[in-house]
Amino acid sequence: MGALPKHLPRCEEVIEPESTVCSCCGLPVHRIGEDVSEALDIVPALLRVIRTIRPKYACRACEAHVVQAPARARVMDGGMATTALVAHVVVSKFAWHLLSIVSRRSSRVTASISTVARSAAGSDGPPGG
């Protein structure tokens, strides 16, 4: 997966596991690392990157138990876009498609009106006469 541009603003969201207590011995677990994923998001007229951080915790006593919150589902597996960005792209493509249809029809109507106007102007008498 590619990296998202560094100049875009980041909005961080930390997802903690439900419990930070070792299920084996009942002692508190300590943070041993984290997994970070990024997705391109859109707020109308603003692109931003949402960083989802999922800390990893482990028990110091038994060292066998690692706890981490599950990753949230994405719109597309392995994708870097949020639901908002996908919806924006779909709606924009649909709107531009409608605009192009209306534009083509309007130019056909304009051409038809021009043709009718020219033929009406030319029907006053024989050409060249």
Protein backbone atom coordinates (compact mmCIF):
# COMPACT_ATOMS: atom_id res chain seq x y z
CA MET A 1 0.00 0.00 0.00
CA GLY A 2 1.29 3.47 -0.85
CA ALA A 3 1.80 6.31 1.56
CA LEU A 4 -0.57 9.25 1.70
CA PRO A 5 0.88 12.77 1.17
CA LYS A 6 2.56 14.19 4.28
CA HIS A 7 1.17 17.72 3.71
CA LEU A 8 -2.45 16.66 4.33
CA PRO A 9 -3.75 17.30 7.85
CA ARG A 10 -4.07 14.23 10.07
CA CYS A 11 -6.97 13.48 12.39
CA GLU A 12 -5.91 10.80 14.89
CA GLU A 13 -8.28 8.31 16.40
CA VAL A 14 -7.05 5.86 19.05
CA ILE A 15 -9.00 2.63 19.51
CA GLU A 16 -8.24 1.07 22.88
CA PRO A 17 -9.02 -2.58 23.72
CA GLU A 18 -12.03 -3.17 25.97
CA SER A 19 -9.82 -4.34 28.83
CA THR A 20 -6.19 -3.64 29.72
CA VAL A 21 -6.05 -6.38 32.33
CA CYS A 22 -4.35 -9.71 31.61
CA SER A 23 -6.91 -12.48 31.24
CA CYS A 24 -4.36 -15.03 32.52
CA CYS A 25 -3.16 -13.46 35.78
CA GLY A 26 -5.37 -10.37 36.25
CA LEU A 27 -2.46 -7.90 36.32
CA PRO A 28 -2.55 -4.71 34.23
CA VAL A 29 -0.94 -4.99 30.79
CA HIS A 30 1.51 -2.41 29.44
CA ARG A 31 1.72 -0.94 25.96
CA ILE A 32 4.29 -2.70 23.74
CA GLY A 33 3.58 -1.07 20.41
CA GLU A 34 0.81 -0.06 18.03
CA ASP A 35 -0.49 -0.59 14.52
CA VAL A 36 -1.25 2.56 12.54
CA SER A 37 -3.38 2.65 9.41
CA GLU A 38 -4.32 5.68 7.33
CA ALA A 39 -7.31 6.39 5.09
CA LEU A 40 -7.99 9.34 2.84
CA ASP A 41 -11.14 11.15 3.98
CA ILE A 42 -13.05 14.14 2.69
CA VAL A 43 -14.88 16.90 4.44
CA PRO A 44 -16.59 19.02 1.78
CA ALA A 45 -13.82 21.16 0.26
CA LEU A 46 -11.21 19.59 2.58
CA LEU A 47 -9.17 16.43 2.19
CA ARG A 48 -7.64 14.98 5.36
CA VAL A 49 -6.06 11.75 6.54
CA ILE A 50 -7.63 9.85 9.42
CA ARG A 51 -4.98 7.95 11.39
CA THR A 52 -6.38 5.01 13.30
CA ILE A 53 -4.05 3.90 16.09
CA ARG A 54 -4.57 0.56 17.80
CA PRO A 55 -2.19 0.23 20.77
CA LYS A 56 -0.90 -3.22 21.69
CA TYR A 57 -0.66 -4.21 25.35
CA ALA A 58 1.12 -7.17 26.96
CA CYS A 59 1.35 -8.56 30.48
CA ARG A 60 4.77 -8.09 32.14
CA ALA A 61 4.19 -11.03 34.46
CA CYS A 62 3.30 -13.86 32.08
CA GLU A 63 4.43 -12.32 28.74
CA ALA A 64 2.00 -14.60 26.91
CA HIS A 65 -1.02 -12.37 26.57
CA VAL A 66 -1.17 -9.53 23.99
CA VAL A 67 -4.31 -7.37 23.81
CA GLN A 68 -5.30 -5.11 20.90
CA ALA A 69 -8.61 -3.71 19.67
CA PRO A 70 -9.76 -5.14 16.35
CA ALA A 71 -9.38 -2.96 13.26
CA ARG A 72 -12.52 -1.30 11.92
CA ALA A 73 -13.96 -2.58 8.66
CA ARG A 74 -13.17 -0.57 5.51
CA VAL A 75 -15.41 0.17 2.55
CA MET A 76 -12.99 -1.77 0.33
CA ASP A 77 -10.61 -4.38 1.74
CA GLY A 78 -7.10 -2.97 1.67
CA GLY A 79 -8.42 0.41 0.49
CA MET A 80 -7.25 3.78 1.75
CA ALA A 81 -10.57 5.63 1.36
CA THR A 82 -13.27 6.28 3.95
CA THR A 83 -16.97 5.87 3.34
CA ALA A 84 -17.30 9.66 3.04
CA LEU A 85 -14.68 9.84 0.27
CA VAL A 86 -16.22 6.95 -1.70
CA ALA A 87 -19.69 8.52 -1.38
CA HIS A 88 -18.30 11.89 -2.53
CA VAL A 89 -16.67 10.34 -5.62
CA VAL A 90 -19.80 8.36 -6.54
CA VAL A 91 -22.11 11.37 -6.13
CA SER A 92 -19.71 13.64 -8.03
CA LYS A 93 -19.43 11.21 -10.95
CA PHE A 94 -23.21 10.86 -11.03
CA ALA A 95 -23.71 14.64 -10.93
CA TRP A 96 -21.14 15.24 -13.72
CA HIS A 97 -22.77 12.50 -15.79
CA LEU A 98 -26.18 14.16 -15.40
CA LEU A 99 -24.66 17.53 -16.27
CA SER A 100 -23.14 16.12 -19.46
CA ILE A 101 -26.49 14.58 -20.49
CA VAL A 102 -28.33 17.86 -19.88
CA SER A 103 -25.58 19.75 -21.74
CA ARG A 104 -25.80 17.43 -24.78
CA ARG A 105 -29.59 17.65 -24.87
CA SER A 106 -29.49 21.41 -24.52
CA SER A 107 -27.00 21.73 -27.41
CA ARG A 108 -29.23 19.48 -29.56
CA VAL A 109 -32.24 21.64 -28.75
CA THR A 110 -30.26 24.79 -29.58
CA ALA A 111 -29.13 23.24 -32.89
CA SER A 112 -32.73 22.23 -33.70
CA ILE A 113 -34.00 25.74 -32.95
CA SER A 114 -31.25 27.21 -35.16
CA THR A 115 -32.16 24.84 -38.01
CA VAL A 116 -35.86 25.70 -37.73
CA ALA A 117 -35.05 29.43 -37.60
CA ARG A 118 -32.81 29.19 -40.69
CA SER A 119 -35.34 27.23 -42.70
CA ALA A 120 -38.11 29.61 -41.66
CA ALA A 121 -36.01 32.59 -42.74
CA GLY A 122 -35.19 30.96 -46.06
CA SER A 123 -38.80 30.03 -46.88
CA ASP A 124 -39.88 33.64 -47.58
CA GLY A 125 -38.97 33.26 -51.18
CA PRO A 126 -36.78 31.33 -53.57
CA PRO A 127 -33.06 31.43 -52.80
CA GLY A 128 -31.12 34.10 -54.62
CA GLY A 129 -34.17 35.70 -55.91
